[in-house]
Amino acid sequence: MPVSLSDFRQLRDPILQEIESSQSAPSKDCPLSSDAIRAVSSWSMVEQAMLELFVFLLRGNRHRVAASFKAVNCFRTKCNMIAAAAKNGLFETRFTTLEKLLSVTLKAKRRRDRLEAWAWGYSDTFPNALLLIKPSDDSSAAHSSGDILVYQGHELKNMVCEHSRIARCLDLYRKLTVVEGDPVEASERLMEWLEI
């Protein structure tokens, strides 16, 4: 989990003016550039798994269902569409499992969006870290160290793994909805695997 610069710098005392920031991808000088880009782009696996689940639940014309899902820009609305499609057709236990899975997915999306939307910074003081700077309405305002998060390489790699795990869980959930038998046991297995 990334920490704020104020917590991270207790070991070191960087000068905020040293931080180079960019609204786009960081320069090649930042060793974590490719890891950060991979963490942002890995979210497409989750989006694809959600699309497949939505198409499966509606069991309609695949192209029309997919087009309507893709036309929605708000991620929370997409989650609500999946939940609405599932509500009447599933065992209550399986629906509860889906709600938990969507909740985990929403939390992961917020973390991913922060990585995508905040300004990326780099400092020679922290050569093995990517600094995320909270956007500000006032471009002339100085940032405090509490507005800057420090991401290290393992955190970015964990984000990619988390996206992959969520995509696999969504796919597994889709497969579990067709399986006859005890929905409680199947849901428990999925939740254990997702580590909820």
Protein backbone atom coordinates (compact mmCIF):
# COMPACT_ATOMS: atom_id res chain seq x y z
CA MET A 1 0.00 0.00 0.00
CA PRO A 2 1.47 3.36 -0.95
CA VAL A 3 2.17 5.81 1.84
CA SER A 4 2.15 9.59 1.90
CA LEU A 5 5.42 11.35 1.31
CA SER A 6 5.25 12.79 4.83
CA ASP A 7 5.23 9.24 6.27
CA PHE A 8 7.79 7.93 3.80
CA ARG A 9 10.28 10.72 4.29
CA GLN A 10 10.73 10.10 8.00
CA LEU A 11 13.79 8.17 6.89
CA ARG A 12 14.91 10.94 4.53
CA ASP A 13 14.10 14.60 4.17
CA PRO A 14 13.45 15.46 0.51
CA ILE A 15 12.92 18.98 -0.66
CA LEU A 16 9.56 19.24 -2.42
CA GLN A 17 11.08 21.46 -5.11
CA GLU A 18 13.28 18.52 -6.19
CA ILE A 19 10.28 16.59 -7.42
CA GLU A 20 9.81 16.60 -11.16
CA SER A 21 6.16 16.08 -12.04
CA SER A 22 4.28 15.41 -15.21
CA GLN A 23 0.64 14.99 -16.18
CA SER A 24 1.75 12.30 -18.63
CA ALA A 25 3.91 9.25 -18.18
CA PRO A 26 7.17 9.89 -16.30
CA SER A 27 10.40 10.18 -18.18
CA LYS A 28 12.75 7.30 -18.84
CA ASP A 29 14.75 8.48 -15.82
CA CYS A 30 12.09 7.03 -13.54
CA PRO A 31 12.78 3.29 -13.25
CA LEU A 32 9.15 2.54 -12.38
CA SER A 33 7.62 4.11 -15.50
CA SER A 34 6.94 0.82 -17.25
CA ASP A 35 5.58 -0.79 -14.07
CA ALA A 36 3.18 2.12 -13.57
CA ILE A 37 1.99 1.98 -17.17
CA ARG A 38 1.51 -1.79 -16.86
CA ALA A 39 -0.51 -1.27 -13.64
CA VAL A 40 -2.82 1.22 -15.37
CA SER A 41 -3.27 -0.83 -18.54
CA SER A 42 -3.81 -4.15 -16.73
CA TRP A 43 -7.25 -2.86 -15.74
CA SER A 44 -8.45 -3.82 -19.23
CA MET A 45 -8.52 -7.46 -18.07
CA VAL A 46 -11.11 -6.55 -15.43
CA GLU A 47 -13.18 -4.52 -17.90
CA GLN A 48 -13.21 -7.43 -20.35
CA ALA A 49 -14.24 -9.93 -17.66
CA MET A 50 -17.05 -7.61 -16.54
CA LEU A 51 -18.25 -7.30 -20.13
CA GLU A 52 -18.27 -11.09 -20.53
CA LEU A 53 -20.21 -11.49 -17.29
CA PHE A 54 -22.78 -8.86 -18.33
CA VAL A 55 -23.27 -10.47 -21.76
CA PHE A 56 -23.66 -13.87 -20.12
CA LEU A 57 -26.20 -12.65 -17.56
CA LEU A 58 -28.43 -10.97 -20.15
CA ARG A 59 -28.21 -13.86 -22.62
CA GLY A 60 -29.30 -11.60 -25.44
CA ASN A 61 -27.80 -10.52 -28.71
CA ARG A 62 -24.12 -10.51 -27.80
CA HIS A 63 -23.21 -7.51 -29.96
CA ARG A 64 -26.09 -5.34 -28.75
CA VAL A 65 -25.54 -6.20 -25.10
CA ALA A 66 -21.80 -5.54 -25.40
CA ALA A 67 -22.40 -2.25 -27.23
CA SER A 68 -24.78 -1.02 -24.53
CA PHE A 69 -22.28 -1.95 -21.79
CA LYS A 70 -19.38 -0.26 -23.56
CA ALA A 71 -21.43 2.89 -24.13
CA VAL A 72 -21.59 3.51 -20.37
CA ASN A 73 -18.63 5.53 -19.10
CA CYS A 74 -19.31 5.46 -15.36
CA PHE A 75 -17.77 2.40 -13.74
CA ARG A 76 -20.20 2.36 -10.80
CA THR A 77 -23.08 2.33 -13.30
CA LYS A 78 -21.51 -0.66 -15.04
CA CYS A 79 -21.37 -2.47 -11.69
CA ASN A 80 -25.02 -1.57 -11.06
CA MET A 81 -25.98 -2.88 -14.51
CA ILE A 82 -24.30 -6.22 -13.75
CA ALA A 83 -26.00 -6.42 -10.36
CA ALA A 84 -29.41 -5.60 -11.87
CA ALA A 85 -28.94 -8.24 -14.57
CA ALA A 86 -28.02 -10.84 -11.96
CA LYS A 87 -30.53 -10.01 -9.22
CA ASN A 88 -33.55 -11.95 -10.48
CA GLY A 89 -31.79 -14.87 -12.10
CA LEU A 90 -29.47 -16.12 -9.35
CA PHE A 91 -29.64 -17.83 -6.00
CA GLU A 92 -29.51 -15.27 -3.20
CA THR A 93 -26.17 -16.62 -2.00
CA ARG A 94 -24.65 -16.27 -5.45
CA PHE A 95 -26.00 -12.73 -5.73
CA THR A 96 -24.45 -11.84 -2.35
CA THR A 97 -21.15 -13.21 -3.62
CA LEU A 98 -21.45 -11.04 -6.73
CA GLU A 99 -22.08 -7.96 -4.58
CA LYS A 100 -18.90 -8.68 -2.60
CA LEU A 101 -16.94 -9.23 -5.78
CA LEU A 102 -18.19 -5.96 -7.27
CA SER A 103 -17.32 -4.15 -4.04
CA VAL A 104 -13.73 -5.42 -4.24
CA THR A 105 -13.65 -4.43 -7.91
CA LEU A 106 -14.81 -0.87 -7.13
CA LYS A 107 -12.08 -0.44 -4.50
CA ALA A 108 -9.43 -1.66 -6.94
CA LYS A 109 -10.78 0.72 -9.59
CA ARG A 110 -10.40 3.70 -7.24
CA ARG A 111 -6.75 2.76 -6.60
CA ARG A 112 -6.12 2.33 -10.31
CA ASP A 113 -7.81 5.63 -11.16
CA ARG A 114 -5.59 7.47 -8.71
CA LEU A 115 -2.55 6.06 -10.48
CA GLU A 116 -3.98 7.12 -13.82
CA ALA A 117 -5.27 10.60 -12.91
CA TRP A 118 -2.78 12.02 -10.41
CA ALA A 119 0.37 13.71 -11.65
CA TRP A 120 3.38 11.40 -11.71
CA GLY A 121 6.52 12.66 -10.05
CA TYR A 122 10.11 11.58 -9.68
CA SER A 123 12.86 12.66 -7.33
CA ASP A 124 16.53 11.75 -7.20
CA THR A 125 16.03 11.56 -3.44
CA PHE A 126 13.78 8.51 -4.01
CA PRO A 127 15.25 6.89 -7.13
CA ASN A 128 13.23 3.68 -6.70
CA ALA A 129 9.85 5.31 -6.19
CA LEU A 130 7.09 6.84 -8.25
CA LEU A 131 5.50 9.84 -6.59
CA LEU A 132 1.82 10.55 -7.19
CA ILE A 133 0.84 14.16 -6.67
CA LYS A 134 -2.79 14.91 -5.88
CA PRO A 135 -4.34 17.22 -8.47
CA SER A 136 -5.11 20.73 -7.30
CA ASP A 137 -7.51 23.32 -8.67
CA ASP A 138 -4.94 26.00 -7.96
CA SER A 139 -1.88 25.33 -10.11
CA SER A 140 0.15 27.94 -8.24
CA ALA A 141 -0.45 26.31 -4.84
CA ALA A 142 2.47 24.43 -3.34
CA HIS A 143 1.86 20.80 -2.51
CA SER A 144 2.36 19.53 0.98
CA SER A 145 4.02 16.17 1.46
CA GLY A 146 0.62 14.80 2.58
CA ASP A 147 -0.65 15.38 -1.00
CA ILE A 148 2.03 13.11 -2.45
CA LEU A 149 1.91 9.31 -2.36
CA VAL A 150 4.99 7.16 -2.74
CA TYR A 151 4.65 3.99 -4.82
CA GLN A 152 7.44 1.46 -4.87
CA GLY A 153 7.95 -1.23 -7.49
CA HIS A 154 6.37 -4.08 -5.55
CA GLU A 155 3.18 -2.03 -5.04
CA LEU A 156 2.80 -1.45 -8.76
CA LYS A 157 3.41 -5.14 -9.47
CA ASN A 158 0.87 -6.07 -6.79
CA MET A 159 -1.66 -3.85 -8.53
CA VAL A 160 -1.19 -5.80 -11.78
CA CYS A 161 -1.61 -9.06 -9.85
CA GLU A 162 -4.74 -7.73 -8.15
CA HIS A 163 -6.29 -6.80 -11.50
CA SER A 164 -5.48 -10.23 -12.88
CA ARG A 165 -6.96 -11.94 -9.81
CA ILE A 166 -10.18 -9.90 -10.00
CA ALA A 167 -10.55 -10.68 -13.73
CA ARG A 168 -10.10 -14.41 -13.01
CA CYS A 169 -12.64 -14.22 -10.18
CA LEU A 170 -15.19 -12.52 -12.44
CA ASP A 171 -14.63 -15.23 -15.04
CA LEU A 172 -14.86 -17.96 -12.40
CA TYR A 173 -18.03 -16.37 -11.03
CA ARG A 174 -19.58 -16.46 -14.51
CA LYS A 175 -18.77 -20.17 -14.72
CA LEU A 176 -20.13 -20.84 -11.22
CA THR A 177 -23.51 -19.34 -12.09
CA VAL A 178 -24.16 -22.18 -14.52
CA VAL A 179 -23.06 -24.92 -12.13
CA GLU A 180 -25.82 -26.77 -10.37
CA GLY A 181 -25.33 -27.71 -6.75
CA ASP A 182 -24.70 -25.98 -3.51
CA PRO A 183 -24.25 -22.25 -4.23
CA VAL A 184 -22.89 -21.68 -0.72
CA GLU A 185 -19.92 -24.01 -1.24
CA ALA A 186 -19.05 -22.52 -4.62
CA SER A 187 -19.33 -18.98 -3.25
CA GLU A 188 -17.12 -19.83 -0.27
CA ARG A 189 -14.44 -21.19 -2.58
CA LEU A 190 -14.53 -18.04 -4.69
CA MET A 191 -14.31 -15.76 -1.65
CA GLU A 192 -11.36 -17.72 -0.27
CA TRP A 193 -9.58 -17.39 -3.57
CA LEU A 194 -10.31 -13.67 -3.73
CA GLU A 195 -9.18 -13.40 -0.08
CA ILE A 196 -12.20 -11.43 1.09
